[in-house]
């Protein structure tokens, strides 16, 4: 999940920079404000996924208690 989050973060940043016209590439995406919003959203999803992958999960005790 961490790797997927980092990939989405990278793609989102590239999309946003292309939408701003700072990175060349696709003429469809250059200087297009829609891709700034799309890229920002994708980058945010990537950050959330990476954080969820890093966040420690609670350990569940699977042993049955033997208390009377």
PDB file of N, CA and C in Angstrom:
ATOM      1  N   UNK A   1       0.823  -1.181   0.000  1.00  0.00           N
ATOM      2  CA  UNK A   1       0.000   0.000   0.000  1.00  0.00           C
ATOM      3  C   UNK A   1       0.876   1.257   0.000  1.00  0.00           C
ATOM      4  N   UNK A   2       2.020   1.158   0.640  1.00  0.00           N
ATOM      5  CA  UNK A   2       2.936   2.303   0.670  1.00  0.00           C
ATOM      6  C   UNK A   2       3.442   2.610  -0.730  1.00  0.00           C
ATOM      7  N   UNK A   3       3.824   1.572  -1.461  1.00  0.00           N
ATOM      8  CA  UNK A   3       4.341   1.764  -2.819  1.00  0.00           C
ATOM      9  C   UNK A   3       3.274   2.359  -3.732  1.00  0.00           C
ATOM     10  N   UNK A   4       2.059   1.854  -3.656  1.00  0.00           N
ATOM     11  CA  UNK A   4       0.965   2.398  -4.465  1.00  0.00           C
ATOM     12  C   UNK A   4       0.721   3.859  -4.124  1.00  0.00           C
ATOM     13  N   UNK A   5       0.756   4.188  -2.847  1.00  0.00           N
ATOM     14  CA  UNK A   5       0.575   5.574  -2.431  1.00  0.00           C
ATOM     15  C   UNK A   5       1.660   6.492  -2.964  1.00  0.00           C
ATOM     16  N   UNK A   6       2.892   6.015  -2.943  1.00  0.00           N
ATOM     17  CA  UNK A   6       3.994   6.841  -3.458  1.00  0.00           C
ATOM     18  C   UNK A   6       3.901   7.029  -4.966  1.00  0.00           C
ATOM     19  N   UNK A   7       3.476   5.981  -5.679  1.00  0.00           N
ATOM     20  CA  UNK A   7       3.304   6.097  -7.132  1.00  0.00           C
ATOM     21  C   UNK A   7       2.199   7.097  -7.451  1.00  0.00           C
ATOM     22  N   UNK A   8       1.086   7.012  -6.737  1.00  0.00           N
ATOM     23  CA  UNK A   8       0.001   7.965  -6.956  1.00  0.00           C
ATOM     24  C   UNK A   8       0.427   9.388  -6.600  1.00  0.00           C
ATOM     25  N   UNK A   9       1.208   9.528  -5.554  1.00  0.00           N
ATOM     26  CA  UNK A   9       1.716  10.849  -5.187  1.00  0.00           C
ATOM     27  C   UNK A   9       2.570  11.426  -6.310  1.00  0.00           C
ATOM     28  N   UNK A  10       3.459  10.618  -6.846  1.00  0.00           N
ATOM     29  CA  UNK A  10       4.324  11.078  -7.933  1.00  0.00           C
ATOM     30  C   UNK A  10       3.512  11.441  -9.178  1.00  0.00           C
ATOM     31  N   UNK A  11       2.565  10.587  -9.548  1.00  0.00           N
ATOM     32  CA  UNK A  11       1.730  10.876 -10.723  1.00  0.00           C
ATOM     33  C   UNK A  11       0.904  12.145 -10.509  1.00  0.00           C
ATOM     34  N   UNK A  12       0.375  12.302  -9.320  1.00  0.00           N
ATOM     35  CA  UNK A  12      -0.417  13.497  -9.033  1.00  0.00           C
ATOM     36  C   UNK A  12       0.400  14.770  -9.130  1.00  0.00           C
ATOM     37  N   UNK A  13       1.621  14.726  -8.641  1.00  0.00           N
ATOM     38  CA  UNK A  13       2.493  15.906  -8.718  1.00  0.00           C
ATOM     39  C   UNK A  13       2.818  16.226 -10.175  1.00  0.00           C
ATOM     40  N   UNK A  14       3.100  15.185 -10.972  1.00  0.00           N
ATOM     41  CA  UNK A  14       3.401  15.412 -12.392  1.00  0.00           C
ATOM     42  C   UNK A  14       2.182  15.995 -13.104  1.00  0.00           C
ATOM     43  N   UNK A  15       0.993  15.449 -12.835  1.00  0.00           N
ATOM     44  CA  UNK A  15      -0.229  15.978 -13.447  1.00  0.00           C
ATOM     45  C   UNK A  15      -0.422  17.448 -13.082  1.00  0.00           C
ATOM     46  N   UNK A  16      -0.251  17.765 -11.808  1.00  0.00           N
ATOM     47  CA  UNK A  16      -0.451  19.142 -11.358  1.00  0.00           C
ATOM     48  C   UNK A  16       0.574  20.086 -11.987  1.00  0.00           C
ATOM     49  N   UNK A  17       1.818  19.646 -12.075  1.00  0.00           N
ATOM     50  CA  UNK A  17       2.841  20.496 -12.685  1.00  0.00           C
ATOM     51  C   UNK A  17       2.601  20.673 -14.172  1.00  0.00           C
ATOM     52  N   UNK A  18       2.124  19.641 -14.855  1.00  0.00           N
ATOM     53  CA  UNK A  18       1.784  19.795 -16.269  1.00  0.00           C
ATOM     54  C   UNK A  18       0.587  20.726 -16.434  1.00  0.00           C
ATOM     55  N   UNK A  19      -0.363  20.636 -15.539  1.00  0.00           N
ATOM     56  CA  UNK A  19      -1.512  21.535 -15.593  1.00  0.00           C
ATOM     57  C   UNK A  19      -1.113  22.985 -15.387  1.00  0.00           C
ATOM     58  N   UNK A  20      -0.074  23.213 -14.609  1.00  0.00           N
ATOM     59  CA  UNK A  20       0.453  24.566 -14.404  1.00  0.00           C
ATOM     60  C   UNK A  20       1.345  25.022 -15.550  1.00  0.00           C
ATOM     61  N   UNK A  21       1.776  24.088 -16.391  1.00  0.00           N
ATOM     62  CA  UNK A  21       2.660  24.430 -17.494  1.00  0.00           C
ATOM     63  C   UNK A  21       4.127  24.425 -17.110  1.00  0.00           C
ATOM     64  N   UNK A  22       4.462  23.862 -15.942  1.00  0.00           N
ATOM     65  CA  UNK A  22       5.853  23.835 -15.484  1.00  0.00           C
ATOM     66  C   UNK A  22       6.623  22.649 -16.035  1.00  0.00           C
ATOM     67  N   UNK A  23       5.906  21.603 -16.459  1.00  0.00           N
ATOM     68  CA  UNK A  23       6.531  20.410 -17.026  1.00  0.00           C
ATOM     69  C   UNK A  23       5.937  20.202 -18.400  1.00  0.00           C
ATOM     70  N   UNK A  24       6.787  20.038 -19.399  1.00  0.00           N
ATOM     71  CA  UNK A  24       6.303  19.792 -20.746  1.00  0.00           C
ATOM     72  C   UNK A  24       5.838  18.362 -20.902  1.00  0.00           C
ATOM     73  N   UNK A  25       5.165  18.110 -21.984  1.00  0.00           N
ATOM     74  CA  UNK A  25       4.686  16.753 -22.226  1.00  0.00           C
ATOM     75  C   UNK A  25       3.464  16.782 -23.103  1.00  0.00           C
ATOM     76  N   UNK A  26       2.372  16.299 -22.588  1.00  0.00           N
ATOM     77  CA  UNK A  26       1.129  16.214 -23.329  1.00  0.00           C
ATOM     78  C   UNK A  26       0.561  17.610 -23.572  1.00  0.00           C
ATOM     79  N   UNK A  27       0.248  17.912 -24.818  1.00  0.00           N
ATOM     80  CA  UNK A  27      -0.306  19.228 -25.118  1.00  0.00           C
ATOM     81  C   UNK A  27      -1.711  19.380 -24.549  1.00  0.00           C
ATOM     82  N   UNK A  28      -2.394  18.261 -24.316  1.00  0.00           N
ATOM     83  CA  UNK A  28      -3.720  18.308 -23.712  1.00  0.00           C
ATOM     84  C   UNK A  28      -3.649  18.806 -22.273  1.00  0.00           C
ATOM     85  N   UNK A  29      -2.595  18.428 -21.565  1.00  0.00           N
ATOM     86  CA  UNK A  29      -2.496  18.741 -20.141  1.00  0.00           C
ATOM     87  C   UNK A  29      -1.795  20.064 -19.868  1.00  0.00           C
ATOM     88  N   UNK A  30      -1.019  20.560 -20.811  1.00  0.00           N
ATOM     89  CA  UNK A  30      -0.258  21.779 -20.573  1.00  0.00           C
ATOM     90  C   UNK A  30      -1.184  22.969 -20.356  1.00  0.00           C
ATOM     91  N   UNK A  31      -0.930  23.707 -19.278  1.00  0.00           N
ATOM     92  CA  UNK A  31      -1.682  24.917 -18.924  1.00  0.00           C
ATOM     93  C   UNK A  31      -3.182  24.663 -18.855  1.00  0.00           C
ATOM     94  N   UNK A  32      -3.578  23.522 -18.352  1.00  0.00           N
ATOM     95  CA  UNK A  32      -4.983  23.176 -18.201  1.00  0.00           C
ATOM     96  C   UNK A  32      -5.291  23.082 -16.711  1.00  0.00           C
ATOM     97  N   UNK A  33      -6.080  24.032 -16.190  1.00  0.00           N
ATOM     98  CA  UNK A  33      -6.334  24.047 -14.749  1.00  0.00           C
ATOM     99  C   UNK A  33      -7.049  22.792 -14.240  1.00  0.00           C
ATOM    100  N   UNK A  34      -7.782  22.105 -15.102  1.00  0.00           N
ATOM    101  CA  UNK A  34      -8.457  20.882 -14.661  1.00  0.00           C
ATOM    102  C   UNK A  34      -7.448  19.855 -14.170  1.00  0.00           C
ATOM    103  N   UNK A  35      -6.296  19.779 -14.821  1.00  0.00           N
ATOM    104  CA  UNK A  35      -5.296  18.795 -14.420  1.00  0.00           C
ATOM    105  C   UNK A  35      -4.565  19.200 -13.154  1.00  0.00           C
ATOM    106  N   UNK A  36      -4.596  20.464 -12.808  1.00  0.00           N
ATOM    107  CA  UNK A  36      -4.060  20.886 -11.509  1.00  0.00           C
ATOM    108  C   UNK A  36      -4.935  20.294 -10.409  1.00  0.00           C
ATOM    109  N   UNK A  37      -6.251  20.379 -10.588  1.00  0.00           N
ATOM    110  CA  UNK A  37      -7.178  19.830  -9.589  1.00  0.00           C
ATOM    111  C   UNK A  37      -7.115  18.308  -9.546  1.00  0.00           C
ATOM    112  N   UNK A  38      -7.089  17.679 -10.721  1.00  0.00           N
ATOM    113  CA  UNK A  38      -7.013  16.213 -10.773  1.00  0.00           C
ATOM    114  C   UNK A  38      -5.712  15.732 -10.139  1.00  0.00           C
ATOM    115  N   UNK A  39      -4.613  16.374 -10.496  1.00  0.00           N
ATOM    116  CA  UNK A  39      -3.317  15.989  -9.948  1.00  0.00           C
ATOM    117  C   UNK A  39      -3.242  16.186  -8.441  1.00  0.00           C
ATOM    118  N   UNK A  40      -3.816  17.267  -7.968  1.00  0.00           N
ATOM    119  CA  UNK A  40      -3.819  17.510  -6.520  1.00  0.00           C
ATOM    120  C   UNK A  40      -4.622  16.445  -5.789  1.00  0.00           C
ATOM    121  N   UNK A  41      -5.760  16.058  -6.365  1.00  0.00           N
ATOM    122  CA  UNK A  41      -6.580  15.020  -5.742  1.00  0.00           C
ATOM    123  C   UNK A  41      -5.862  13.673  -5.746  1.00  0.00           C
ATOM    124  N   UNK A  42      -5.237  13.323  -6.870  1.00  0.00           N
ATOM    125  CA  UNK A  42      -4.514  12.053  -6.964  1.00  0.00           C
ATOM    126  C   UNK A  42      -3.350  12.033  -5.975  1.00  0.00           C
ATOM    127  N   UNK A  43      -2.644  13.152  -5.858  1.00  0.00           N
ATOM    128  CA  UNK A  43      -1.529  13.234  -4.902  1.00  0.00           C
ATOM    129  C   UNK A  43      -2.035  13.089  -3.467  1.00  0.00           C
ATOM    130  N   UNK A  44      -3.180  13.689  -3.164  1.00  0.00           N
ATOM    131  CA  UNK A  44      -3.751  13.573  -1.827  1.00  0.00           C
ATOM    132  C   UNK A  44      -4.144  12.129  -1.513  1.00  0.00           C
ATOM    133  N   UNK A  45      -4.745  11.448  -2.485  1.00  0.00           N
ATOM    134  CA  UNK A  45      -5.092  10.036  -2.297  1.00  0.00           C
ATOM    135  C   UNK A  45      -3.822   9.216  -2.071  1.00  0.00           C
ATOM    136  N   UNK A  46      -2.754   9.544  -2.807  1.00  0.00           N
ATOM    137  CA  UNK A  46      -1.487   8.853  -2.619  1.00  0.00           C
ATOM    138  C   UNK A  46      -0.919   9.044  -1.229  1.00  0.00           C
ATOM    139  N   UNK A  47      -1.017  10.250  -0.716  1.00  0.00           N
ATOM    140  CA  UNK A  47      -0.527  10.523   0.636  1.00  0.00           C
ATOM    141  C   UNK A  47      -1.325   9.723   1.664  1.00  0.00           C
ATOM    142  N   UNK A  48      -2.645   9.680   1.487  1.00  0.00           N
ATOM    143  CA  UNK A  48      -3.494   8.938   2.428  1.00  0.00           C
ATOM    144  C   UNK A  48      -3.163   7.448   2.384  1.00  0.00           C
ATOM    145  N   UNK A  49      -3.013   6.889   1.175  1.00  0.00           N
ATOM    146  CA  UNK A  49      -2.682   5.465   1.063  1.00  0.00           C
ATOM    147  C   UNK A  49      -1.327   5.151   1.679  1.00  0.00           C
ATOM    148  N   UNK A  50      -0.342   6.001   1.423  1.00  0.00           N
ATOM    149  CA  UNK A  50       0.980   5.765   1.998  1.00  0.00           C
ATOM    150  C   UNK A  50       0.934   5.870   3.522  1.00  0.00           C
ATOM    151  N   UNK A  51       0.171   6.829   4.033  1.00  0.00           N
ATOM    152  CA  UNK A  51       0.060   6.980   5.481  1.00  0.00           C
ATOM    153  C   UNK A  51      -0.638   5.779   6.102  1.00  0.00           C
ATOM    154  N   UNK A  52      -1.669   5.274   5.437  1.00  0.00           N
ATOM    155  CA  UNK A  52      -2.355   4.088   5.952  1.00  0.00           C
ATOM    156  C   UNK A  52      -1.446   2.863   5.923  1.00  0.00           C
ATOM    157  N   UNK A  53      -0.552   2.802   4.946  1.00  0.00           N
ATOM    158  CA  UNK A  53       0.384   1.697   4.885  1.00  0.00           C
ATOM    159  C   UNK A  53       1.441   1.764   5.976  1.00  0.00           C
ATOM    160  N   UNK A  54       1.787   2.968   6.392  1.00  0.00           N
ATOM    161  CA  UNK A  54       2.808   3.154   7.424  1.00  0.00           C
ATOM    162  C   UNK A  54       2.202   3.049   8.822  1.00  0.00           C
ATOM    163  N   UNK A  55       0.952   3.508   8.959  1.00  0.00           N
ATOM    164  CA  UNK A  55       0.287   3.568  10.261  1.00  0.00           C
ATOM    165  C   UNK A  55       0.238   2.187  10.908  1.00  0.00           C
ATOM    166  N   UNK A  56       0.653   2.077  12.169  1.00  0.00           N
ATOM    167  CA  UNK A  56       0.629   0.760  12.827  1.00  0.00           C
ATOM    168  C   UNK A  56      -0.805   0.297  13.072  1.00  0.00           C
ATOM    169  N   UNK A  57      -1.031  -0.974  12.827  1.00  0.00           N
ATOM    170  CA  UNK A  57      -2.352  -1.561  13.043  1.00  0.00           C
ATOM    171  C   UNK A  57      -2.390  -2.194  14.427  1.00  0.00           C
ATOM    172  N   UNK A  58      -3.540  -2.148  15.086  1.00  0.00           N
ATOM    173  CA  UNK A  58      -3.628  -2.796  16.400  1.00  0.00           C
ATOM    174  C   UNK A  58      -3.527  -4.316  16.242  1.00  0.00           C
ATOM    175  N   UNK A  59      -2.850  -4.925  17.169  1.00  0.00           N
ATOM    176  CA  UNK A  59      -2.684  -6.383  17.150  1.00  0.00           C
ATOM    177  C   UNK A  59      -3.858  -6.987  17.885  1.00  0.00           C
ATOM    178  N   UNK A  60      -4.551  -7.882  17.188  1.00  0.00           N
ATOM    179  CA  UNK A  60      -5.706  -8.529  17.809  1.00  0.00           C
ATOM    180  C   UNK A  60      -5.261  -9.840  18.437  1.00  0.00           C
ATOM    181  N   UNK A  61      -5.690 -10.071  19.656  1.00  0.00           N
ATOM    182  CA  UNK A  61      -5.364 -11.299  20.359  1.00  0.00           C
ATOM    183  C   UNK A  61      -6.337 -12.381  19.905  1.00  0.00           C
ATOM    184  N   UNK A  62      -5.809 -13.428  19.255  1.00  0.00           N
ATOM    185  CA  UNK A  62      -6.676 -14.486  18.731  1.00  0.00           C
ATOM    186  C   UNK A  62      -6.822 -15.643  19.691  1.00  0.00           C
ATOM    187  N   UNK A  63      -6.138 -15.617  20.800  1.00  0.00           N
ATOM    188  CA  UNK A  63      -6.248 -16.703  21.776  1.00  0.00           C
ATOM    189  C   UNK A  63      -7.483 -16.496  22.637  1.00  0.00           C
ATOM    190  N   UNK A  64      -8.208 -17.578  22.869  1.00  0.00           N
ATOM    191  CA  UNK A  64      -9.395 -17.497  23.714  1.00  0.00           C
ATOM    192  C   UNK A  64      -8.973 -17.363  25.171  1.00  0.00           C
ATOM    193  N   UNK A  65      -9.672 -16.532  25.893  1.00  0.00           N
ATOM    194  CA  UNK A  65      -9.321 -16.388  27.305  1.00  0.00           C
ATOM    195  C   UNK A  65      -9.851 -17.589  28.069  1.00  0.00           C
ATOM    196  N   UNK A  66      -9.104 -18.007  29.048  1.00  0.00           N
ATOM    197  CA  UNK A  66      -9.453 -19.189  29.835  1.00  0.00           C
ATOM    198  C   UNK A  66      -9.931 -18.810  31.232  1.00  0.00           C
ATOM    199  N   UNK A  67     -10.434 -17.602  31.380  1.00  0.00           N
ATOM    200  CA  UNK A  67     -10.911 -17.166  32.692  1.00  0.00           C
ATOM    201  C   UNK A  67     -12.221 -17.885  33.018  1.00  0.00           C
ATOM    202  N   UNK A  68     -12.370 -18.348  34.273  1.00  0.00           N
ATOM    203  CA  UNK A  68     -13.631 -19.040  34.650  1.00  0.00           C
ATOM    204  C   UNK A  68     -14.771 -18.084  34.824  1.00  0.00           C
TER     205      UNK A  68
END
